[in-house]
């Protein structure tokens, strides 16, 4: 683990730290954004499941907040497909089903982060632990781990965890606690550590 800690500390002493802090400030600003913008971000996280984050962001910018609420399922399907994004039919269906919770900001903004994540997983089709954690982080949460393949690969490569055979809720929370402990050792939030590790794997500070 020492190698990983040293790499993150080096990033903290570089310009990457400033980029990371700016991204975290963007996430924090979501507390003041509208219901439509929160719903758009929820749809973005639905799009990211088992698919590329960058393509999901491009689709989000094309559809915009109003489109996620009003476009037909067929139109959504075609827009997702045009971007060569995975599972276009089911993603469009999940977005349409999620419209019953278009007031997602009002529903979860006052919940503790763990409780909000549980609610999302239980009520939004297409949202699992990773996607729910991603949504909460992108709307200003600080304390959950987004265990995507980039983060898991780092933890496995550094021999901090064994590669999980599956990532059910119990296993997710077990690995998340390891991640939170690493963040605590570094005296940073899990949200910041996620961005730092993503940079180590991809060279980007993504949302």
Protein backbone atom coordinates (compact mmCIF):
# COMPACT_ATOMS: atom_id res chain seq x y z
CA UNK A 1 0.00 0.00 0.00
CA UNK A 2 2.93 2.34 0.63
CA UNK A 3 3.53 2.69 -3.11
CA UNK A 4 -0.04 3.83 -3.66
CA UNK A 5 0.05 6.26 -0.74
CA UNK A 6 3.27 7.76 -2.07
CA UNK A 7 1.80 8.21 -5.56
CA UNK A 8 -1.27 10.00 -4.21
CA UNK A 9 0.86 12.23 -1.98
CA UNK A 10 2.98 13.18 -4.99
CA UNK A 11 -0.19 14.16 -6.87
CA UNK A 12 -1.18 16.34 -3.91
CA UNK A 13 2.04 18.28 -4.38
CA UNK A 14 1.38 18.85 -8.10
CA UNK A 15 -1.01 20.87 -10.25
CA UNK A 16 -3.33 17.83 -10.25
CA UNK A 17 -4.36 18.76 -6.73
CA UNK A 18 -5.69 22.11 -7.96
CA UNK A 19 -7.60 20.42 -10.79
CA UNK A 20 -9.05 17.96 -8.31
CA UNK A 21 -10.15 20.68 -5.93
CA UNK A 22 -11.84 22.56 -8.76
CA UNK A 23 -13.75 19.43 -9.76
CA UNK A 24 -14.83 18.87 -6.17
CA UNK A 25 -16.04 22.47 -6.05
CA UNK A 26 -18.13 21.79 -9.16
CA UNK A 27 -19.72 18.82 -7.40
CA UNK A 28 -20.38 20.88 -4.28
CA UNK A 29 -22.14 23.54 -6.39
CA UNK A 30 -24.84 20.98 -7.21
CA UNK A 31 -26.39 21.70 -3.83
CA UNK A 32 -27.72 24.93 -5.38
CA UNK A 33 -28.72 23.50 -8.76
CA UNK A 34 -32.24 22.79 -9.99
CA UNK A 35 -34.31 19.61 -9.92
CA UNK A 36 -33.83 19.32 -13.70
CA UNK A 37 -30.04 19.40 -13.36
CA UNK A 38 -30.14 16.77 -10.62
CA UNK A 39 -32.35 14.56 -12.77
CA UNK A 40 -30.00 15.02 -15.72
CA UNK A 41 -27.12 13.88 -13.53
CA UNK A 42 -29.12 10.86 -12.43
CA UNK A 43 -29.67 9.95 -16.09
CA UNK A 44 -25.95 10.42 -16.74
CA UNK A 45 -25.23 7.88 -14.00
CA UNK A 46 -27.76 5.45 -15.51
CA UNK A 47 -25.86 5.79 -18.79
CA UNK A 48 -22.51 5.05 -17.13
CA UNK A 49 -23.51 1.55 -15.96
CA UNK A 50 -21.28 -0.96 -17.78
CA UNK A 51 -20.30 1.74 -20.27
CA UNK A 52 -17.78 4.52 -20.84
CA UNK A 53 -18.06 7.61 -18.67
CA UNK A 54 -16.84 9.90 -21.46
CA UNK A 55 -19.49 8.74 -23.92
CA UNK A 56 -22.15 9.06 -21.23
CA UNK A 57 -21.12 12.68 -20.67
CA UNK A 58 -21.30 13.39 -24.42
CA UNK A 59 -24.82 11.93 -24.58
CA UNK A 60 -25.84 13.97 -21.54
CA UNK A 61 -24.69 17.19 -23.22
CA UNK A 62 -26.64 16.33 -26.39
CA UNK A 63 -29.90 15.47 -24.65
CA UNK A 64 -29.74 18.21 -21.98
CA UNK A 65 -31.80 18.38 -18.80
CA UNK A 66 -35.15 19.01 -20.48
CA UNK A 67 -34.67 16.21 -23.00
CA UNK A 68 -34.22 13.56 -20.33
CA UNK A 69 -37.69 14.49 -19.04
CA UNK A 70 -39.55 14.91 -22.33
CA UNK A 71 -38.05 12.94 -25.23
CA UNK A 72 -39.75 9.70 -26.23
CA UNK A 73 -38.13 6.40 -25.34
CA UNK A 74 -37.56 5.74 -29.05
CA UNK A 75 -35.78 9.07 -29.52
CA UNK A 76 -33.62 8.45 -26.46
CA UNK A 77 -32.76 4.99 -27.76
CA UNK A 78 -31.68 6.39 -31.12
CA UNK A 79 -29.57 9.16 -29.58
CA UNK A 80 -27.79 6.67 -27.32
CA UNK A 81 -27.28 4.27 -30.22
CA UNK A 82 -25.87 7.01 -32.47
CA UNK A 83 -23.11 7.50 -29.91
CA UNK A 84 -22.25 3.78 -30.13
CA UNK A 85 -23.09 3.49 -26.44
CA UNK A 86 -23.83 0.11 -24.88
CA UNK A 87 -27.33 -1.18 -24.07
CA UNK A 88 -29.18 1.67 -25.81
CA UNK A 89 -32.62 0.06 -25.51
CA UNK A 90 -32.47 -0.72 -21.82
CA UNK A 91 -30.80 2.58 -20.90
CA UNK A 92 -33.55 4.54 -22.65
CA UNK A 93 -36.16 2.46 -20.84
CA UNK A 94 -34.54 3.10 -17.45
CA UNK A 95 -34.40 6.85 -18.10
CA UNK A 96 -38.11 6.94 -18.93
CA UNK A 97 -38.94 4.87 -15.83
CA UNK A 98 -36.86 7.22 -13.68
CA UNK A 99 -39.07 10.17 -14.64
CA UNK A 100 -41.41 9.33 -11.78
CA UNK A 101 -38.55 10.56 -9.58
CA UNK A 102 -37.77 13.71 -11.57
CA UNK A 103 -37.82 15.55 -8.23
CA UNK A 104 -34.86 13.46 -7.06
CA UNK A 105 -33.20 16.45 -5.38
CA UNK A 106 -36.14 16.96 -3.05
CA UNK A 107 -36.32 13.24 -2.30
CA UNK A 108 -32.75 12.60 -1.18
CA UNK A 109 -30.92 15.86 -0.54
CA UNK A 110 -31.55 15.81 3.21
CA UNK A 111 -30.80 12.12 3.69
CA UNK A 112 -27.45 10.86 5.03
CA UNK A 113 -25.32 9.68 2.10
CA UNK A 114 -25.60 5.97 2.92
CA UNK A 115 -29.37 6.24 3.27
CA UNK A 116 -29.66 8.17 0.01
CA UNK A 117 -27.62 5.52 -1.78
CA UNK A 118 -29.80 2.73 -0.41
CA UNK A 119 -32.90 4.60 -1.58
CA UNK A 120 -31.49 5.01 -5.09
CA UNK A 121 -30.52 1.35 -5.39
CA UNK A 122 -33.93 0.22 -4.18
CA UNK A 123 -36.03 2.59 -6.29
CA UNK A 124 -34.22 3.51 -9.53
CA UNK A 125 -33.93 0.75 -12.11
CA UNK A 126 -30.48 0.71 -13.72
CA UNK A 127 -28.82 2.18 -10.64
CA UNK A 128 -26.59 -0.10 -8.57
CA UNK A 129 -24.19 0.66 -5.73
CA UNK A 130 -21.53 2.12 -8.03
CA UNK A 131 -23.93 4.32 -9.98
CA UNK A 132 -25.70 5.51 -6.83
CA UNK A 133 -22.37 6.38 -5.21
CA UNK A 134 -21.35 8.19 -8.41
CA UNK A 135 -24.55 10.25 -8.41
CA UNK A 136 -24.21 11.21 -4.76
CA UNK A 137 -20.57 12.25 -5.27
CA UNK A 138 -21.43 14.27 -8.40
CA UNK A 139 -24.14 16.13 -6.50
CA UNK A 140 -21.86 17.08 -3.63
CA UNK A 141 -21.42 13.95 -1.50
CA UNK A 142 -17.97 13.29 -0.06
CA UNK A 143 -17.99 10.00 1.79
CA UNK A 144 -18.80 7.10 -0.55
CA UNK A 145 -16.56 5.01 -2.81
CA UNK A 146 -17.26 4.66 -6.53
CA UNK A 147 -15.92 1.16 -7.12
CA UNK A 148 -15.60 1.10 -10.89
CA UNK A 149 -13.09 -1.07 -12.73
CA UNK A 150 -10.37 1.59 -12.59
CA UNK A 151 -10.51 1.82 -8.81
CA UNK A 152 -10.83 -1.94 -8.32
CA UNK A 153 -7.89 -2.59 -10.66
CA UNK A 154 -5.65 -0.26 -8.65
CA UNK A 155 -6.62 -1.91 -5.37
CA UNK A 156 -6.01 -5.36 -6.86
CA UNK A 157 -2.74 -4.41 -8.55
CA UNK A 158 -1.45 -2.92 -5.29
CA UNK A 159 -2.44 -6.18 -3.53
CA UNK A 160 -4.72 -4.26 -1.18
CA UNK A 161 -7.69 -6.49 -2.07
CA UNK A 162 -8.23 -9.72 -3.95
CA UNK A 163 -10.14 -9.39 -7.21
CA UNK A 164 -13.80 -9.90 -6.25
CA UNK A 165 -15.67 -12.68 -8.05
CA UNK A 166 -18.78 -10.53 -7.85
CA UNK A 167 -19.65 -7.17 -6.40
CA UNK A 168 -22.87 -7.69 -4.48
CA UNK A 169 -23.93 -5.12 -1.90
CA UNK A 170 -22.12 -6.83 0.98
CA UNK A 171 -18.84 -7.17 -0.96
CA UNK A 172 -19.17 -3.58 -2.23
CA UNK A 173 -19.43 -2.26 1.32
CA UNK A 174 -16.48 -4.41 2.47
CA UNK A 175 -14.22 -2.98 -0.25
CA UNK A 176 -15.62 0.49 0.30
CA UNK A 177 -14.48 0.35 3.92
CA UNK A 178 -10.94 -0.46 2.73
CA UNK A 179 -11.14 2.53 0.38
CA UNK A 180 -12.43 4.82 3.13
CA UNK A 181 -9.60 3.69 5.41
CA UNK A 182 -7.03 4.58 2.74
CA UNK A 183 -8.63 8.02 2.36
CA UNK A 184 -8.48 8.48 6.12
CA UNK A 185 -4.78 7.55 6.16
CA UNK A 186 -4.20 10.22 3.50
CA UNK A 187 -6.37 12.71 5.41
CA UNK A 188 -8.64 13.28 2.44
CA UNK A 189 -12.24 12.52 1.61
CA UNK A 190 -13.17 9.39 -0.37
CA UNK A 191 -14.47 11.75 -3.08
CA UNK A 192 -11.03 13.32 -3.51
CA UNK A 193 -9.21 9.99 -3.36
CA UNK A 194 -11.48 8.66 -6.11
CA UNK A 195 -10.49 11.52 -8.42
CA UNK A 196 -6.80 11.05 -7.61
CA UNK A 197 -6.90 7.32 -8.33
CA UNK A 198 -8.92 7.87 -11.50
CA UNK A 199 -6.18 10.23 -12.64
CA UNK A 200 -3.51 7.61 -11.91
CA UNK A 201 -5.34 5.11 -14.11
CA UNK A 202 -6.64 7.33 -16.91
CA UNK A 203 -4.71 10.61 -16.84
CA UNK A 204 -8.01 12.49 -16.48
CA UNK A 205 -9.94 14.24 -13.71
CA UNK A 206 -13.35 13.04 -14.85
CA UNK A 207 -16.75 13.61 -13.35
